Amino acid sequence: MAAVNLLYNVGSRDEDPNRTGFAHLFEHLMFGGSRHIPVYDEPLQKVGGENNAFTSVDITNYYITLPAANLETAFWLESDRMLSLSFDPQVLDVQQKVVIEEFKQRYLNQPYGDVWLKLRPLAYQVHPYRWATIGKDISHIENATLDDVKAFFYQYYLPNNAVLVVAGDVTIDQVKRLCAKWFAPIPAGQPYHRRLPAEPVQTSARRLETEADVPLNALYKVFHMPGRYDEAYYTCDLLADLLGRGKSSRLYQQLLKQQGLFSQISAHLTSTLDPGLLVVSGSLNPGISLEEADAAVEEVLQQLVREVPEEELAKVKNQAEATLAFSEIELLNRAMNLAYAANAGNADWANQEAERIQAVTPDQVRDMAGEVLRKTNESTLYYRAA
């Protein structure tokens, strides 16, 4: 088998604030036919391949797995749509409708679906992470023209703004030859230099309340933290694991199991390339007030500012390393990890994760808790059940 992963260095953070959702719209448009290939999926299925894609705030990623003997099919498909899409008005119309329906289904008509539409602009004041990948407003996608789409494509979907990783039963010479054949003729465009506004340090707690027809009251708390490849990221990652990874975590044990305040609670990171967020979220049990639950969460957070036992940290380190090891059994995951690290600046970072996790000390986690979990760095959303 072989995995072909093509990462474009464009995400929702690169969009015009008045034309959001384009990076995600493009993920759909890229499957609507290219200059010489009217239907993308059909040739791939004929050679036993599978494909998919995803968009994030930082990148747009396309990937194929197929028998290594048919590797050239993947190069042919990916190079043709990098060369040019079909730019068929009918394809644009269909995909606009698909994305608009997705916006309604996942973000507007689903319980708690609009959480990130509210949390992002609460936590981020100037950085473009303040809108979700789906976009700020449906009208931005509804009003997208073919000229808008072409301009976006020729600015970002370029050989010099992409990272290609080929993994599996292939050779370096074979990949170089196929790259020269299929990608070298595509002209490079203007280099893209990102100039995004830095989010200022948060100096006071922020709070928002909303109400909707949802089953239970829910609490969301987010804290600014370092970006994905910052040295301090791994300390923050383990801090989140101590707080809310699985049933042995502090939030679960104390607030769900012992005190019975929550029916579900966890912590995770957004893991963005620019400074991201540590997120604590939970659904409350009936009869529990949001104020009571919030105070209880604060107490658990402050415990880690005071003390981080070595054996507890060792446990989450081992969990994190095991997750990493199991994920890398998958060929495609290894290809994606390499592409993501290379795009961020250094492909070797993909091989240093376990070492960086194990190097974190209890003192570092405690200091990070004091820095990240402070009240002035906190944005809280009370989501009340109507």
Protein backbone atom coordinates (compact mmCIF):
# COMPACT_ATOMS: atom_id res chain seq x y z
CA MET A 1 0.00 0.00 0.00
CA ALA A 2 0.93 3.65 -0.36
CA ALA A 3 -0.39 6.84 1.21
CA VAL A 4 -0.26 10.15 -0.64
CA ASN A 5 -0.88 13.18 1.56
CA LEU A 6 -1.06 16.65 0.03
CA LEU A 7 -1.27 19.49 2.53
CA TYR A 8 -2.05 23.04 1.39
CA ASN A 9 -0.80 25.79 3.66
CA VAL A 10 -4.17 27.53 3.91
CA GLY A 11 -6.89 27.37 6.53
CA SER A 12 -9.69 29.55 7.78
CA ARG A 13 -7.14 31.86 9.47
CA ASP A 14 -6.08 33.01 5.98
CA GLU A 15 -9.54 34.20 4.93
CA ASP A 16 -10.85 37.72 4.49
CA PRO A 17 -13.01 38.46 7.59
CA ASN A 18 -15.81 39.44 5.21
CA ARG A 19 -15.50 36.27 3.12
CA THR A 20 -15.12 33.41 5.57
CA GLY A 21 -15.68 29.70 5.01
CA PHE A 22 -13.72 29.66 1.72
CA ALA A 23 -11.03 27.20 2.84
CA HIS A 24 -13.75 24.72 3.79
CA LEU A 25 -15.74 25.41 0.61
CA PHE A 26 -12.59 24.58 -1.36
CA GLU A 27 -12.26 21.22 0.31
CA HIS A 28 -15.61 20.43 -1.38
CA LEU A 29 -14.84 22.12 -4.72
CA MET A 30 -11.62 20.10 -5.12
CA PHE A 31 -13.75 16.99 -5.66
CA GLY A 32 -15.93 18.63 -8.33
CA GLY A 33 -13.69 17.97 -11.31
CA SER A 34 -10.41 19.44 -12.59
CA ARG A 35 -9.07 20.57 -15.96
CA HIS A 36 -8.69 17.12 -17.55
CA ILE A 37 -10.58 14.90 -15.10
CA PRO A 38 -14.35 15.51 -14.87
CA VAL A 39 -14.95 13.08 -11.98
CA TYR A 40 -12.26 12.70 -9.30
CA ASP A 41 -13.44 9.58 -7.45
CA GLU A 42 -14.11 7.26 -10.38
CA PRO A 43 -10.51 6.68 -11.63
CA LEU A 44 -9.33 6.23 -8.04
CA GLN A 45 -11.95 3.60 -7.26
CA LYS A 46 -10.99 1.69 -10.41
CA VAL A 47 -7.45 1.21 -9.04
CA GLY A 48 -8.59 0.24 -5.53
CA GLY A 49 -7.96 3.61 -3.88
CA GLU A 50 -9.75 5.64 -1.23
CA ASN A 51 -9.56 9.36 -0.49
CA ASN A 52 -10.82 12.09 1.77
CA ALA A 53 -9.92 15.56 3.03
CA PHE A 54 -10.32 17.91 5.99
CA THR A 55 -10.01 21.62 6.65
CA SER A 56 -8.79 23.22 9.87
CA VAL A 57 -8.09 26.76 10.96
CA ASP A 58 -4.46 26.22 9.84
CA ILE A 59 -4.41 23.87 6.84
CA THR A 60 -6.40 22.01 4.19
CA ASN A 61 -5.36 18.37 3.82
CA TYR A 62 -6.10 15.88 1.02
CA TYR A 63 -5.13 12.23 1.26
CA ILE A 64 -5.27 9.03 -0.77
CA THR A 65 -4.49 5.42 0.12
CA LEU A 66 -4.11 2.95 -2.74
CA PRO A 67 -2.09 -0.10 -3.82
CA ALA A 68 1.52 1.02 -4.32
CA ALA A 69 1.49 -0.48 -7.84
CA ASN A 70 -1.07 2.20 -8.79
CA LEU A 71 0.77 5.12 -7.17
CA GLU A 72 0.93 7.15 -10.38
CA THR A 73 -2.87 7.45 -10.45
CA ALA A 74 -2.71 9.49 -7.25
CA PHE A 75 -0.06 11.81 -8.72
CA TRP A 76 -2.13 12.26 -11.90
CA LEU A 77 -5.28 13.11 -9.92
CA GLU A 78 -3.66 15.48 -7.44
CA SER A 79 -1.54 17.30 -9.99
CA ASP A 80 -4.46 17.91 -12.33
CA ARG A 81 -6.55 19.59 -9.66
CA MET A 82 -3.54 21.62 -8.52
CA LEU A 83 -3.10 22.73 -12.13
CA SER A 84 -6.69 23.98 -12.32
CA LEU A 85 -10.18 23.11 -11.20
CA SER A 86 -12.98 22.85 -13.74
CA PHE A 87 -14.48 26.09 -12.36
CA ASP A 88 -17.88 24.88 -13.49
CA PRO A 89 -20.60 27.26 -12.23
CA GLN A 90 -22.88 24.26 -11.65
CA VAL A 91 -20.26 22.60 -9.41
CA LEU A 92 -19.95 25.80 -7.39
CA ASP A 93 -23.72 26.03 -7.03
CA VAL A 94 -24.00 22.41 -5.84
CA GLN A 95 -21.13 22.68 -3.35
CA GLN A 96 -22.40 26.01 -1.96
CA LYS A 97 -25.69 24.25 -1.20
CA VAL A 98 -23.86 21.31 0.40
CA VAL A 99 -21.79 23.60 2.67
CA ILE A 100 -24.81 25.74 3.59
CA GLU A 101 -26.73 22.58 4.52
CA GLU A 102 -23.75 21.41 6.59
CA PHE A 103 -23.67 24.80 8.37
CA LYS A 104 -27.36 24.47 9.26
CA GLN A 105 -27.20 20.79 10.21
CA ARG A 106 -24.02 20.78 12.29
CA TYR A 107 -23.89 24.29 13.72
CA LEU A 108 -27.41 25.74 13.85
CA ASN A 109 -29.85 22.83 14.19
CA GLN A 110 -27.87 20.51 16.46
CA PRO A 111 -27.90 20.78 20.27
CA TYR A 112 -24.84 22.81 21.38
CA GLY A 113 -23.81 23.04 17.69
CA ASP A 114 -23.26 26.80 17.91
CA VAL A 115 -20.89 26.60 20.89
CA TRP A 116 -17.77 27.39 18.85
CA LEU A 117 -19.56 30.10 16.89
CA LYS A 118 -19.89 31.82 20.28
CA LEU A 119 -16.68 30.72 22.04
CA ARG A 120 -14.22 31.69 19.31
CA PRO A 121 -15.15 35.39 19.15
CA LEU A 122 -15.26 35.45 22.95
CA ALA A 123 -11.72 34.08 23.31
CA TYR A 124 -10.13 35.77 20.28
CA GLN A 125 -10.49 39.52 19.78
CA VAL A 126 -8.21 40.14 16.77
CA HIS A 127 -6.70 36.85 15.53
CA PRO A 128 -8.62 35.12 12.69
CA TYR A 129 -9.13 32.07 14.90
CA ARG A 130 -12.13 34.11 16.03
CA TRP A 131 -14.28 32.37 13.39
CA ALA A 132 -14.82 28.65 12.79
CA THR A 133 -13.73 26.83 9.62
CA ILE A 134 -17.36 26.68 8.47
CA GLY A 135 -17.30 30.49 8.45
CA LYS A 136 -18.80 33.35 10.44
CA ASP A 137 -22.01 33.65 8.48
CA ILE A 138 -23.89 31.56 5.92
CA SER A 139 -24.17 34.63 3.67
CA HIS A 140 -20.39 34.55 3.04
CA ILE A 141 -20.78 31.20 1.24
CA GLU A 142 -24.13 32.07 -0.33
CA ASN A 143 -22.62 35.18 -1.93
CA ALA A 144 -19.38 33.57 -3.17
CA THR A 145 -18.88 34.16 -6.90
CA LEU A 146 -16.84 32.21 -9.42
CA ASP A 147 -14.35 35.10 -9.51
CA ASP A 148 -13.99 34.92 -5.70
CA VAL A 149 -13.35 31.20 -5.96
CA LYS A 150 -10.75 31.57 -8.75
CA ALA A 151 -8.89 34.27 -6.81
CA PHE A 152 -8.72 32.07 -3.71
CA PHE A 153 -7.51 29.07 -5.73
CA TYR A 154 -4.72 30.92 -7.55
CA GLN A 155 -3.52 32.53 -4.34
CA TYR A 156 -3.22 29.40 -2.20
CA TYR A 157 -3.48 26.19 -4.28
CA LEU A 158 0.05 26.37 -5.63
CA PRO A 159 3.04 23.99 -5.67
CA ASN A 160 5.04 26.44 -3.53
CA ASN A 161 2.25 26.51 -0.91
CA ALA A 162 1.90 22.75 -0.52
CA VAL A 163 3.66 19.85 1.21
CA LEU A 164 3.54 16.38 -0.36
CA VAL A 165 4.28 13.25 1.67
CA VAL A 166 4.31 9.81 0.05
CA ALA A 167 4.60 6.85 2.41
CA GLY A 168 4.54 3.07 2.16
CA ASP A 169 5.90 0.62 -0.40
CA VAL A 170 7.64 3.29 -2.50
CA THR A 171 11.18 4.46 -3.18
CA ILE A 172 12.63 7.97 -3.04
CA ASP A 173 13.71 7.75 -6.70
CA GLN A 174 10.22 6.68 -7.75
CA VAL A 175 8.60 9.59 -5.89
CA LYS A 176 11.11 12.10 -7.29
CA ARG A 177 10.46 10.84 -10.82
CA LEU A 178 6.68 11.09 -10.42
CA CYS A 179 6.98 14.57 -8.88
CA ALA A 180 9.10 15.74 -11.80
CA LYS A 181 6.62 14.30 -14.28
CA TRP A 182 3.34 15.47 -12.72
CA PHE A 183 4.06 18.49 -10.51
CA ALA A 184 7.17 20.19 -11.92
CA PRO A 185 5.34 21.58 -15.00
CA ILE A 186 2.80 23.42 -12.81
CA PRO A 187 3.93 27.04 -12.46
CA ALA A 188 4.59 28.35 -8.98
CA GLY A 189 2.60 31.42 -8.06
CA GLN A 190 3.55 34.32 -5.83
CA PRO A 191 4.95 33.07 -2.50
CA TYR A 192 2.48 33.45 0.33
CA HIS A 193 3.78 35.34 3.38
CA ARG A 194 1.37 35.17 6.28
CA ARG A 195 0.92 38.42 8.20
CA LEU A 196 -1.73 37.72 10.79
CA PRO A 197 -2.45 39.96 13.77
CA ALA A 198 -1.13 38.53 17.05
CA GLU A 199 -3.76 38.02 19.73
CA PRO A 200 -3.00 40.36 22.65
CA VAL A 201 -2.53 38.90 26.12
CA GLN A 202 -5.91 38.57 27.82
CA THR A 203 -6.01 40.75 30.95
CA SER A 204 -9.48 40.11 32.37
CA ALA A 205 -11.95 37.25 32.59
CA ARG A 206 -14.65 37.14 29.91
CA ARG A 207 -18.08 35.61 30.24
CA LEU A 208 -21.05 34.92 27.98
CA GLU A 209 -24.45 33.33 28.62
CA THR A 210 -26.73 31.78 26.03
CA GLU A 211 -29.93 29.78 26.11
CA ALA A 212 -31.34 27.19 23.70
CA ASP A 213 -33.55 24.13 23.53
CA VAL A 214 -30.91 21.64 24.69
CA PRO A 215 -31.20 18.67 27.08
CA LEU A 216 -28.91 19.93 29.88
CA ASN A 217 -27.09 23.02 31.09
CA ALA A 218 -23.48 22.99 29.86
CA LEU A 219 -20.31 24.78 30.93
CA TYR A 220 -17.40 25.74 28.67
CA LYS A 221 -14.16 27.35 29.83
CA VAL A 222 -11.23 28.20 27.53
CA PHE A 223 -7.73 29.46 28.33
CA HIS A 224 -5.07 30.83 25.96
CA MET A 225 -1.99 28.61 25.65
CA PRO A 226 1.10 28.12 23.40
CA GLY A 227 0.90 26.95 19.79
CA ARG A 228 1.34 23.38 18.56
CA TYR A 229 5.14 23.27 18.18
CA ASP A 230 6.07 25.65 20.99
CA GLU A 231 8.34 24.03 23.62
CA ALA A 232 5.68 24.66 26.27
CA TYR A 233 2.92 22.95 24.24
CA TYR A 234 3.71 19.49 25.61
CA THR A 235 3.53 20.74 29.20
CA CYS A 236 0.10 22.18 28.47
CA ASP A 237 -0.98 18.97 26.75
CA LEU A 238 -0.17 16.94 29.86
CA LEU A 239 -1.88 19.55 32.03
CA ALA A 240 -5.08 19.04 30.01
CA ASP A 241 -4.68 15.25 30.34
CA LEU A 242 -4.36 15.51 34.13
CA LEU A 243 -7.50 17.60 34.21
CA GLY A 244 -9.78 15.80 31.86
CA ARG A 245 -8.45 12.83 29.91
CA GLY A 246 -10.57 9.77 30.60
CA LYS A 247 -12.20 8.35 33.70
CA SER A 248 -9.14 8.58 35.93
CA SER A 249 -8.74 12.34 35.38
CA ARG A 250 -9.30 14.87 38.14
CA LEU A 251 -12.40 16.52 36.69
CA TYR A 252 -14.08 13.16 36.06
CA GLN A 253 -13.18 11.64 39.42
CA GLN A 254 -14.04 14.64 41.59
CA LEU A 255 -16.91 16.35 39.79
CA LEU A 256 -18.68 13.48 38.09
CA LYS A 257 -17.96 10.42 40.21
CA GLN A 258 -17.62 11.87 43.72
CA GLN A 259 -19.75 15.03 43.70
CA GLY A 260 -22.20 14.08 40.94
CA LEU A 261 -22.28 17.58 39.45
CA PHE A 262 -21.70 16.59 35.83
CA SER A 263 -23.01 13.85 33.52
CA GLN A 264 -19.99 14.35 31.25
CA ILE A 265 -16.81 16.43 31.61
CA SER A 266 -13.43 16.55 29.87
CA ALA A 267 -10.51 18.76 28.86
CA HIS A 268 -8.64 19.02 25.56
CA LEU A 269 -6.51 21.38 23.46
CA THR A 270 -7.34 22.98 20.12
CA SER A 271 -3.71 22.23 19.07
CA THR A 272 -3.44 25.11 16.60
CA LEU A 273 -0.19 26.32 15.02
CA ASP A 274 -0.66 29.83 16.40
CA PRO A 275 -1.37 30.10 20.15
CA GLY A 276 -4.43 27.98 20.89
CA LEU A 277 -6.85 27.14 23.66
CA LEU A 278 -7.09 24.70 26.55
CA VAL A 279 -10.77 23.77 26.73
CA VAL A 280 -12.76 22.43 29.69
CA SER A 281 -16.33 21.41 28.87
CA GLY A 282 -19.08 19.49 30.59
CA SER A 283 -22.82 18.81 30.74
CA LEU A 284 -24.41 19.32 34.16
CA ASN A 285 -26.71 16.91 35.94
CA PRO A 286 -30.34 18.10 36.42
CA GLY A 287 -30.77 20.39 39.43
CA ILE A 288 -27.15 21.59 39.46
CA SER A 289 -26.66 25.31 38.85
CA LEU A 290 -24.04 26.59 36.43
CA GLU A 291 -22.62 28.81 39.15
CA GLU A 292 -22.12 25.82 41.50
CA ALA A 293 -20.53 23.73 38.75
CA ASP A 294 -18.27 26.60 37.67
CA ALA A 295 -16.99 27.09 41.23
CA ALA A 296 -16.28 23.36 41.53
CA VAL A 297 -14.31 23.35 38.25
CA GLU A 298 -12.28 26.34 39.46
CA GLU A 299 -11.32 24.45 42.61
CA VAL A 300 -10.04 21.47 40.60
CA LEU A 301 -8.05 23.80 38.33
CA GLN A 302 -6.37 25.50 41.28
CA GLN A 303 -5.33 22.17 42.79
CA LEU A 304 -2.87 21.76 39.92
CA VAL A 305 -1.45 25.22 40.56
CA ARG A 306 -0.59 24.03 44.08
CA GLU A 307 0.74 20.51 43.42
CA VAL A 308 1.37 17.99 40.64
CA PRO A 309 2.26 14.51 42.00
CA GLU A 310 5.03 12.79 40.05
CA GLU A 311 3.23 9.43 39.78
CA GLU A 312 0.08 11.08 38.40
CA LEU A 313 2.12 12.89 35.76
CA ALA A 314 3.95 9.65 34.87
CA LYS A 315 0.59 7.97 34.24
CA VAL A 316 -0.65 10.60 31.75
CA LYS A 317 2.78 10.70 30.07
CA ASN A 318 2.53 6.96 29.45
CA GLN A 319 -1.05 7.30 28.19
CA ALA A 320 0.03 10.05 25.79
CA GLU A 321 3.00 8.06 24.52
CA ALA A 322 0.88 4.92 24.06
CA THR A 323 -1.72 6.90 22.07
CA LEU A 324 1.07 8.27 19.89
CA ALA A 325 2.57 4.81 19.31
CA PHE A 326 -0.77 3.21 18.42
CA SER A 327 -1.71 6.06 16.08
CA GLU A 328 1.53 5.64 14.15
CA ILE A 329 0.75 2.03 13.31
CA GLU A 330 -1.43 3.57 10.59
CA LEU A 331 0.62 4.44 7.51
CA LEU A 332 -1.62 7.41 6.66
CA ASN A 333 -1.27 8.91 10.16
CA ARG A 334 2.52 8.86 9.85
CA ALA A 335 2.29 10.61 6.48
CA MET A 336 -0.07 13.25 7.91
CA ASN A 337 2.15 13.87 10.95
CA LEU A 338 5.18 14.40 8.72
CA ALA A 339 3.27 16.77 6.42
CA TYR A 340 1.93 18.78 9.36
CA ALA A 341 5.36 19.13 10.99
CA ALA A 342 7.09 19.96 7.70
CA ASN A 343 4.51 22.65 6.95
CA ALA A 344 5.08 24.12 10.41
CA GLY A 345 8.81 24.34 9.81
CA ASN A 346 10.59 21.06 10.56
CA ALA A 347 9.62 17.52 9.51
CA ASP A 348 11.80 16.10 12.32
CA TRP A 349 9.33 17.43 14.90
CA ALA A 350 7.10 14.49 13.98
CA ASN A 351 9.73 12.13 15.43
CA GLN A 352 10.36 14.08 18.65
CA GLU A 353 6.90 13.94 20.23
CA ALA A 354 7.50 11.05 22.65
CA GLU A 355 10.83 12.48 23.81
CA ARG A 356 9.26 15.90 24.45
CA ILE A 357 6.36 14.38 26.37
CA GLN A 358 8.66 12.39 28.67
CA ALA A 359 10.91 15.42 29.33
CA VAL A 360 8.13 17.40 31.05
CA THR A 361 8.56 17.76 34.86
CA PRO A 362 5.95 18.18 37.62
CA ASP A 363 7.30 21.68 38.35
CA GLN A 364 6.83 22.68 34.72
CA VAL A 365 3.21 21.48 34.76
CA ARG A 366 2.52 23.32 38.02
CA ASP A 367 4.07 26.53 36.66
CA MET A 368 2.08 26.15 33.43
CA ALA A 369 -1.13 25.67 35.43
CA GLY A 370 -0.40 28.93 37.26
CA GLU A 371 0.22 30.75 33.99
CA VAL A 372 -2.57 29.32 31.83
CA LEU A 373 -5.37 28.64 34.33
CA ARG A 374 -5.42 32.13 35.84
CA LYS A 375 -8.76 33.95 36.00
CA THR A 376 -7.59 36.81 33.78
CA ASN A 377 -6.83 34.29 31.00
CA GLU A 378 -10.26 32.67 31.15
CA SER A 379 -13.32 32.90 28.89
CA THR A 380 -16.46 31.17 30.18
CA LEU A 381 -19.67 30.27 28.38
CA TYR A 382 -22.80 29.33 30.34
CA TYR A 383 -25.07 27.38 28.00
CA ARG A 384 -28.50 27.22 29.65
CA ALA A 385 -31.18 24.72 28.73
CA ALA A 386 -34.36 26.64 27.84
